[in-house]
C-alpha cells in the first residue's frame, strides 16, 4: 500500500457514516482524465436481507485538484432534483471526499440499438431540468469566456498536431486556423447561455437502481468543471459522443427530440431550429478539437495511452460537421488532408 492509500484508510476510520460499522478495504473503482482517483468500500447491511451497500472515496491530491467546485456543484445539482453523488464527509486539506455510490454501470456499457433511445430520453430530460433550474446558479459559475475557449482549441494544434503528429502549420494554414477559432468562439458566445455540465456523455452517465437508493436515471458524474456557457454544449457532448458513434440520421433525430423538449421547457422557440442546429454543430467542432488535443496530451504528458484509440472518432466528427459550413471548410480540409493521414502513418 502506498503512503497516500494508508492515509486515506486512516481518514475513512474517522468518517461519521462509517463509525461503528464493518467495511471492506477500499478497492479501485475508476480513474479519469484528471489526477483524481476513486475507490469503493462496502459496508455490511443491518437489514434482514443481508444486502450490502457501498460508498465511493474520491482521492483528489490538493496539489493537483480542488474539491470545492465538486462539492458546490454537487449541492446545486442535488437541489435541482438530479441524481448525483452526495458528499457525506470531506477533508479538503488531505483531498478526500466520501460520496454516495451510484454504482458501476455506465451508459457506455449498456448502450446498443435497442436500449439507446430510452437511455437518451432520460438523459435529455435530466439535461432540460439542469438547464431550466441551472439559471439560478449563474453567479456561482465560471464563465466559458473567449480565453478558455481559445485555450481549449489550442490543445488540438499544440498537443495533437505538434506533439503527437509533429505537424507544423504553414502561414496560410495558421491564418485559416485562427479564422476558424474566431468563428467557433463567436458562435459559442452568441447562442443562449446556460449552466453547462461540460462532460455530459456516456462515461459520466450511470444506470442506477432502486436497490442502490440512487433515484432515477441517469446518475450524473464528473460535473466539477461546470461553467456558464453555450446551451448546446452538453447535448452535442451526448449525441456526438467521443466514445461511441451513431449513424448521423439517428443523431439528427435525437437533435430534434432534444430541441422539442427544450421548446416545451421554454429554452427555445420553435422558429429557432435552424440557428440551434448551426450553433450545436459549431459547438461540437469546438468540443471535439479540445477532446482530440486532450487525448494526445494525456498520452504525452501523463503517460495515459487509453484515450488514443478515441482520437479517430473525434476527428471524424470534425470533418463531417466542419465540411457543411463555409466558415469551417478550411478546418475540415486540414483534418482530412493532413491530420488523418498522419494518424494513419502512426499505426504499426
Protein backbone atom coordinates (compact mmCIF):
# COMPACT_ATOMS: atom_id res chain seq x y z
CA UNK A 1 0.00 0.00 0.00
CA UNK A 2 1.18 3.49 -0.80
CA UNK A 3 1.50 6.12 1.89
CA UNK A 4 -1.42 8.05 0.40
CA UNK A 5 -3.64 4.96 0.36
CA UNK A 6 -2.81 4.30 4.01
CA UNK A 7 -3.63 7.91 4.83
CA UNK A 8 -6.97 7.51 3.06
CA UNK A 9 -7.75 4.38 5.07
CA UNK A 10 -6.90 6.18 8.30
CA UNK A 11 -9.19 9.03 7.29
CA UNK A 12 -12.05 6.67 6.49
CA UNK A 13 -11.99 5.37 10.04
CA UNK A 14 -12.85 8.89 11.24
CA UNK A 15 -15.80 9.40 8.86
CA UNK A 16 -19.12 9.57 10.69
CA UNK A 17 -21.06 7.37 8.20
CA UNK A 18 -18.54 4.54 8.74
CA UNK A 19 -18.15 4.73 12.51
CA UNK A 20 -19.14 1.55 14.35
CA UNK A 21 -19.58 -0.27 11.04
CA UNK A 22 -17.65 -3.08 9.45
CA UNK A 23 -16.50 -2.20 5.96
CA UNK A 24 -14.17 -3.64 3.36
CA UNK A 25 -10.78 -2.25 2.45
CA UNK A 26 -11.23 0.23 -0.41
CA UNK A 27 -10.67 -1.12 -3.90
CA UNK A 28 -10.09 0.88 -7.07
CA UNK A 29 -13.38 1.89 -8.66
CA UNK A 30 -12.25 4.10 -11.54
CA UNK A 31 -9.91 6.84 -12.62
CA UNK A 32 -10.46 9.65 -15.08
CA UNK A 33 -8.56 12.07 -17.27
CA UNK A 34 -7.51 14.14 -14.27
CA UNK A 35 -5.40 13.34 -11.21
CA UNK A 36 -8.47 12.17 -9.31
CA UNK A 37 -8.89 8.52 -8.38
CA UNK A 38 -11.92 6.75 -7.00
CA UNK A 39 -12.22 3.83 -4.58
CA UNK A 40 -15.21 1.81 -3.37
CA UNK A 41 -15.73 0.29 0.05
CA UNK A 42 -18.64 -1.94 1.05
CA UNK A 43 -20.47 -1.90 4.35
CA UNK A 44 -22.44 -4.86 5.70
CA UNK A 45 -26.13 -4.02 5.95
CA UNK A 46 -28.03 -4.47 9.17
CA UNK A 47 -31.27 -5.27 7.36
CA UNK A 48 -32.80 -8.74 7.35
CA UNK A 49 -31.99 -9.15 3.66
CA UNK A 50 -28.29 -9.03 4.38
CA UNK A 51 -27.71 -6.70 1.44
CA UNK A 52 -24.58 -4.65 1.43
CA UNK A 53 -24.25 -1.02 0.48
CA UNK A 54 -21.21 0.89 -0.62
CA UNK A 55 -19.52 4.27 -0.64
CA UNK A 56 -17.14 5.97 -3.04
CA UNK A 57 -13.97 7.69 -1.85
CA UNK A 58 -12.60 10.42 -4.08
CA UNK A 59 -8.85 10.84 -3.83
CA UNK A 60 -8.02 14.29 -5.17
CA UNK A 61 -4.46 15.36 -4.25
CA UNK A 62 -4.67 19.04 -3.23
CA UNK A 63 -1.52 19.87 -5.16
CA UNK A 64 -3.34 18.98 -8.38
CA UNK A 65 -7.08 19.13 -7.68
CA UNK A 66 -9.52 21.40 -5.86
CA UNK A 67 -12.50 19.59 -4.30
CA UNK A 68 -14.52 22.73 -3.61
CA UNK A 69 -16.11 23.02 -7.10
CA UNK A 70 -17.20 19.38 -6.91
CA UNK A 71 -18.86 19.96 -3.54
CA UNK A 72 -20.56 23.15 -4.68
CA UNK A 73 -21.90 21.75 -7.96
CA UNK A 74 -22.99 18.50 -6.29
CA UNK A 75 -25.14 20.51 -3.88
CA UNK A 76 -26.60 22.56 -6.72
CA UNK A 77 -27.49 19.57 -8.90
CA UNK A 78 -28.97 17.73 -5.94
CA UNK A 79 -31.10 20.80 -5.17
CA UNK A 80 -32.38 20.67 -8.78
CA UNK A 81 -33.60 17.12 -8.15
CA UNK A 82 -30.91 15.47 -10.27
CA UNK A 83 -29.28 12.19 -9.38
CA UNK A 84 -25.68 12.93 -8.35
CA UNK A 85 -23.26 11.64 -5.69
CA UNK A 86 -23.76 13.40 -2.39
CA UNK A 87 -20.80 14.44 -0.30
CA UNK A 88 -21.09 12.63 3.06
CA UNK A 89 -17.71 13.54 4.54
CA UNK A 90 -14.80 15.70 3.44
CA UNK A 91 -11.25 16.71 4.25
CA UNK A 92 -10.10 19.43 1.89
CA UNK A 93 -6.64 19.58 3.43
CA UNK A 94 -6.00 15.95 2.60
CA UNK A 95 -8.09 15.94 -0.56
CA UNK A 96 -10.53 13.16 0.35
CA UNK A 97 -14.31 13.03 -0.10
CA UNK A 98 -16.70 10.28 0.96
CA UNK A 99 -19.54 10.05 -1.58
CA UNK A 100 -22.75 8.13 -2.06
CA UNK A 101 -22.31 5.41 -4.68
CA UNK A 102 -24.19 5.48 -7.99
CA UNK A 103 -22.90 2.02 -8.93
CA UNK A 104 -20.58 0.96 -11.73
CA UNK A 105 -22.90 0.62 -14.74
CA UNK A 106 -22.13 3.41 -17.18
CA UNK A 107 -24.33 4.32 -20.10
CA UNK A 108 -21.46 3.33 -22.36
CA UNK A 109 -21.53 -0.26 -21.07
CA UNK A 110 -25.23 -0.81 -21.88
CA UNK A 111 -25.92 1.33 -24.95
CA UNK A 112 -26.99 -0.54 -28.07
CA UNK A 113 -29.57 -0.08 -30.81
CA UNK A 114 -32.32 -1.49 -28.60
CA UNK A 115 -31.57 0.49 -25.43
CA UNK A 116 -30.19 3.81 -26.60
CA UNK A 117 -33.44 5.67 -27.25
CA UNK A 118 -34.71 5.06 -23.73
CA UNK A 119 -31.47 6.00 -22.04
CA UNK A 120 -31.00 9.11 -24.16
CA UNK A 121 -34.58 10.20 -23.49
CA UNK A 122 -33.81 10.04 -19.76
CA UNK A 123 -30.59 11.98 -20.35
CA UNK A 124 -32.46 14.66 -22.33
CA UNK A 125 -35.00 15.04 -19.52
CA UNK A 126 -32.25 15.44 -16.93
CA UNK A 127 -30.43 17.94 -19.14
CA UNK A 128 -33.58 20.02 -19.62
CA UNK A 129 -34.02 20.09 -15.84
CA UNK A 130 -30.41 21.20 -15.45
CA UNK A 131 -30.87 23.99 -17.97
CA UNK A 132 -34.21 25.18 -16.58
CA UNK A 133 -33.15 25.24 -12.95
CA UNK A 134 -29.48 25.98 -13.53
CA UNK A 135 -30.17 29.59 -14.40
CA UNK A 136 -30.49 30.30 -10.69
CA UNK A 137 -26.81 29.48 -10.23
CA UNK A 138 -25.34 31.69 -12.96
CA UNK A 139 -23.46 33.88 -10.48
CA UNK A 140 -21.66 30.87 -8.97
CA UNK A 141 -20.27 29.50 -12.23
CA UNK A 142 -17.07 30.45 -14.08
CA UNK A 143 -17.72 31.99 -17.49
CA UNK A 144 -16.94 29.97 -20.61
CA UNK A 145 -15.11 33.03 -21.90
CA UNK A 146 -13.05 33.61 -25.02
CA UNK A 147 -9.73 32.81 -23.37
CA UNK A 148 -10.95 29.45 -22.10
CA UNK A 149 -12.47 28.54 -25.46
CA UNK A 150 -9.24 29.51 -27.23
CA UNK A 151 -7.05 27.60 -24.80
CA UNK A 152 -9.15 24.50 -25.28
CA UNK A 153 -8.92 24.64 -29.08
CA UNK A 154 -5.18 25.23 -28.81
CA UNK A 155 -4.90 21.75 -27.33
CA UNK A 156 -5.63 20.45 -30.83
CA UNK A 157 -2.85 22.41 -32.53
CA UNK A 158 -0.34 22.14 -29.68
CA UNK A 159 -0.76 18.57 -28.45
CA UNK A 160 -2.30 16.61 -31.31
CA UNK A 161 -0.74 18.33 -34.31
CA UNK A 162 2.65 19.38 -32.94
CA UNK A 163 3.45 16.99 -30.10
CA UNK A 164 1.72 13.82 -31.29
CA UNK A 165 1.87 14.09 -35.08
CA UNK A 166 4.81 16.50 -35.44
CA UNK A 167 2.83 18.61 -37.89
CA UNK A 168 3.64 22.27 -38.37
CA UNK A 169 1.10 24.63 -39.89
CA UNK A 170 2.17 26.85 -42.75
CA UNK A 171 1.42 30.57 -42.87
CA UNK A 172 -1.86 30.18 -44.78
CA UNK A 173 -2.91 27.23 -42.61
CA UNK A 174 -2.21 29.24 -39.49
CA UNK A 175 -4.33 32.13 -40.77
CA UNK A 176 -7.15 29.74 -41.65
CA UNK A 177 -6.89 28.08 -38.23
CA UNK A 178 -7.17 31.44 -36.49
CA UNK A 179 -10.21 32.32 -38.60
CA UNK A 180 -11.89 29.03 -37.67
CA UNK A 181 -11.28 29.70 -33.99
CA UNK A 182 -12.82 33.16 -34.32
CA UNK A 183 -16.00 31.73 -35.89
CA UNK A 184 -16.31 29.00 -33.25
CA UNK A 185 -15.86 31.44 -30.38
CA UNK A 186 -18.41 33.84 -31.87
CA UNK A 187 -20.97 31.06 -32.20
CA UNK A 188 -20.34 29.81 -28.65
CA UNK A 189 -20.85 33.27 -27.21
CA UNK A 190 -23.83 34.34 -29.34
CA UNK A 191 -26.02 31.32 -28.62
CA UNK A 192 -28.16 31.29 -25.43
CA UNK A 193 -26.05 30.84 -22.32
CA UNK A 194 -26.82 28.39 -19.55
CA UNK A 195 -25.48 26.00 -16.91
CA UNK A 196 -23.04 23.68 -18.72
CA UNK A 197 -22.04 20.35 -17.16
CA UNK A 198 -19.15 20.18 -19.67
CA UNK A 199 -18.68 16.39 -19.76
CA UNK A 200 -22.21 15.11 -20.30
CA UNK A 201 -21.53 11.84 -22.11
CA UNK A 202 -21.80 8.06 -21.87
CA UNK A 203 -18.89 7.55 -19.48
CA UNK A 204 -20.26 10.05 -16.96
CA UNK A 205 -23.92 8.99 -17.04
CA UNK A 206 -24.83 6.00 -14.89
CA UNK A 207 -27.59 3.40 -14.97
CA UNK A 208 -28.77 3.32 -11.38
CA UNK A 209 -31.01 1.01 -9.41
CA UNK A 210 -33.62 1.22 -6.69
CA UNK A 211 -31.53 -1.15 -4.55
CA UNK A 212 -28.67 1.34 -4.62
CA UNK A 213 -31.12 4.02 -3.46
CA UNK A 214 -29.79 6.33 -6.11
CA UNK A 215 -33.04 7.52 -7.67
CA UNK A 216 -33.87 7.81 -11.33
CA UNK A 217 -31.62 7.61 -14.37
CA UNK A 218 -29.26 8.91 -15.26
CA UNK A 219 -26.86 9.16 -12.40
CA UNK A 220 -24.59 12.08 -13.26
CA UNK A 221 -20.85 12.19 -12.55
CA UNK A 222 -17.81 14.39 -13.26
CA UNK A 223 -19.59 17.73 -13.03
CA UNK A 224 -16.93 19.72 -11.15
CA UNK A 225 -15.84 21.67 -14.25
CA UNK A 226 -19.30 23.18 -14.81
CA UNK A 227 -19.37 26.65 -16.38
CA UNK A 228 -21.81 29.24 -17.68
CA UNK A 229 -21.67 28.89 -21.45
CA UNK A 230 -23.32 27.84 -24.71
CA UNK A 231 -26.57 25.94 -24.17
CA UNK A 232 -25.81 23.40 -26.93
CA UNK A 233 -22.57 22.16 -25.37
CA UNK A 234 -23.99 19.33 -23.26
CA UNK A 235 -26.44 17.95 -25.81
CA UNK A 236 -23.77 17.70 -28.51
CA UNK A 237 -21.44 16.04 -25.98
CA UNK A 238 -24.09 13.37 -25.53
CA UNK A 239 -25.27 12.65 -29.06
CA UNK A 240 -21.88 13.11 -30.74
CA UNK A 241 -20.02 11.27 -28.03
CA UNK A 242 -16.25 10.80 -28.32
CA UNK A 243 -16.56 7.22 -27.05
CA UNK A 244 -19.45 5.84 -29.10
CA UNK A 245 -20.70 6.90 -32.52
CA UNK A 246 -24.16 6.53 -34.03
CA UNK A 247 -25.41 6.98 -37.61
CA UNK A 248 -25.82 10.65 -38.41
CA UNK A 249 -29.50 10.10 -39.36
CA UNK A 250 -30.11 8.87 -35.81
CA UNK A 251 -28.17 11.79 -34.35
CA UNK A 252 -30.39 14.20 -36.28
CA UNK A 253 -33.49 12.52 -34.81
CA UNK A 254 -32.12 12.93 -31.28
CA UNK A 255 -31.17 16.51 -32.06
CA UNK A 256 -34.79 17.24 -32.96
CA UNK A 257 -36.11 15.27 -29.97
CA UNK A 258 -33.99 17.31 -27.57
CA UNK A 259 -34.93 20.56 -29.30
CA UNK A 260 -38.66 19.85 -28.99
CA UNK A 261 -38.25 19.03 -25.30
CA UNK A 262 -36.24 22.23 -24.88
CA UNK A 263 -39.01 24.21 -26.57
CA UNK A 264 -41.56 22.67 -24.20
CA UNK A 265 -39.26 23.74 -21.37
CA UNK A 266 -39.17 27.32 -22.74
CA UNK A 267 -35.46 27.16 -23.52
CA UNK A 268 -36.01 27.75 -27.26
CA UNK A 269 -38.75 28.87 -29.62
CA UNK A 270 -39.67 26.51 -32.46
CA UNK A 271 -38.67 29.08 -35.07
CA UNK A 272 -35.09 28.97 -33.71
CA UNK A 273 -34.46 25.46 -35.10
CA UNK A 274 -32.02 26.41 -37.86
CA UNK A 275 -29.96 28.62 -35.56
CA UNK A 276 -29.94 25.87 -32.95
CA UNK A 277 -28.62 23.29 -35.44
CA UNK A 278 -25.78 25.53 -36.58
CA UNK A 279 -24.88 26.52 -33.03
CA UNK A 280 -24.82 22.87 -31.96
CA UNK A 281 -22.68 21.85 -34.93
CA UNK A 282 -20.17 24.64 -34.25
CA UNK A 283 -20.15 23.84 -30.53
CA UNK A 284 -19.47 20.20 -31.34
CA UNK A 285 -16.50 21.11 -33.50
CA UNK A 286 -15.07 23.23 -30.69
CA UNK A 287 -15.54 20.40 -28.19
CA UNK A 288 -14.01 17.77 -30.45
CA UNK A 289 -10.97 19.93 -31.14
CA UNK A 290 -10.48 20.17 -27.40
CA UNK A 291 -11.06 16.45 -26.85
CA UNK A 292 -8.63 15.35 -29.56
CA UNK A 293 -5.96 17.57 -28.03
CA UNK A 294 -6.66 16.31 -24.51
CA UNK A 295 -6.40 12.69 -25.62
CA UNK A 296 -2.97 13.41 -27.10
CA UNK A 297 -1.88 15.35 -24.01
CA UNK A 298 -2.94 12.52 -21.72
CA UNK A 299 -0.54 10.26 -23.58
CA UNK A 300 2.47 12.59 -23.89
CA UNK A 301 2.23 14.45 -20.59
CA UNK A 302 0.53 11.96 -18.27
CA UNK A 303 1.51 8.60 -19.74
CA UNK A 304 -2.13 7.53 -20.32
CA UNK A 305 -2.47 5.83 -23.69
CA UNK A 306 -6.03 4.54 -23.28
CA UNK A 307 -7.58 7.55 -24.98
CA UNK A 308 -5.52 7.43 -28.17
CA UNK A 309 -8.00 4.99 -29.72
CA UNK A 310 -10.74 7.61 -29.39
CA UNK A 311 -8.96 10.26 -31.45
CA UNK A 312 -10.08 8.97 -34.90
CA UNK A 313 -13.76 9.05 -33.89
CA UNK A 314 -13.34 12.54 -32.53
CA UNK A 315 -11.64 13.73 -35.72
CA UNK A 316 -14.36 12.17 -37.88
CA UNK A 317 -16.94 14.42 -36.22
CA UNK A 318 -14.82 17.47 -37.02
CA UNK A 319 -14.60 16.56 -40.71
CA UNK A 320 -18.29 15.77 -41.01
CA UNK A 321 -19.59 18.89 -39.29
CA UNK A 322 -16.99 21.39 -40.49
CA UNK A 323 -17.44 20.32 -44.11
CA UNK A 324 -21.02 21.56 -44.03
CA UNK A 325 -20.14 25.20 -43.30
CA UNK A 326 -18.10 27.60 -45.42
CA UNK A 327 -16.59 29.19 -42.31
CA UNK A 328 -15.13 25.83 -41.22
CA UNK A 329 -14.19 24.17 -44.51
CA UNK A 330 -10.50 25.00 -44.11
CA UNK A 331 -10.51 23.06 -40.84
CA UNK A 332 -12.19 20.08 -42.50
CA UNK A 333 -9.51 20.11 -45.22
CA UNK A 334 -6.72 20.34 -42.64
CA UNK A 335 -8.00 17.35 -40.69
CA UNK A 336 -8.86 15.30 -43.77
CA UNK A 337 -5.72 16.03 -45.81
CA UNK A 338 -3.03 16.27 -43.13
CA UNK A 339 -4.13 15.16 -39.67
CA UNK A 340 -5.89 11.89 -40.51
CA UNK A 341 -3.12 10.71 -42.90
CA UNK A 342 -0.55 11.50 -40.21
CA UNK A 343 -2.63 9.45 -37.75
CA UNK A 344 -2.63 6.55 -40.21
CA UNK A 345 1.15 6.75 -40.53
CA UNK A 346 1.46 6.20 -36.77
CA UNK A 347 -0.30 2.86 -36.94
CA UNK A 348 2.06 -0.13 -36.60
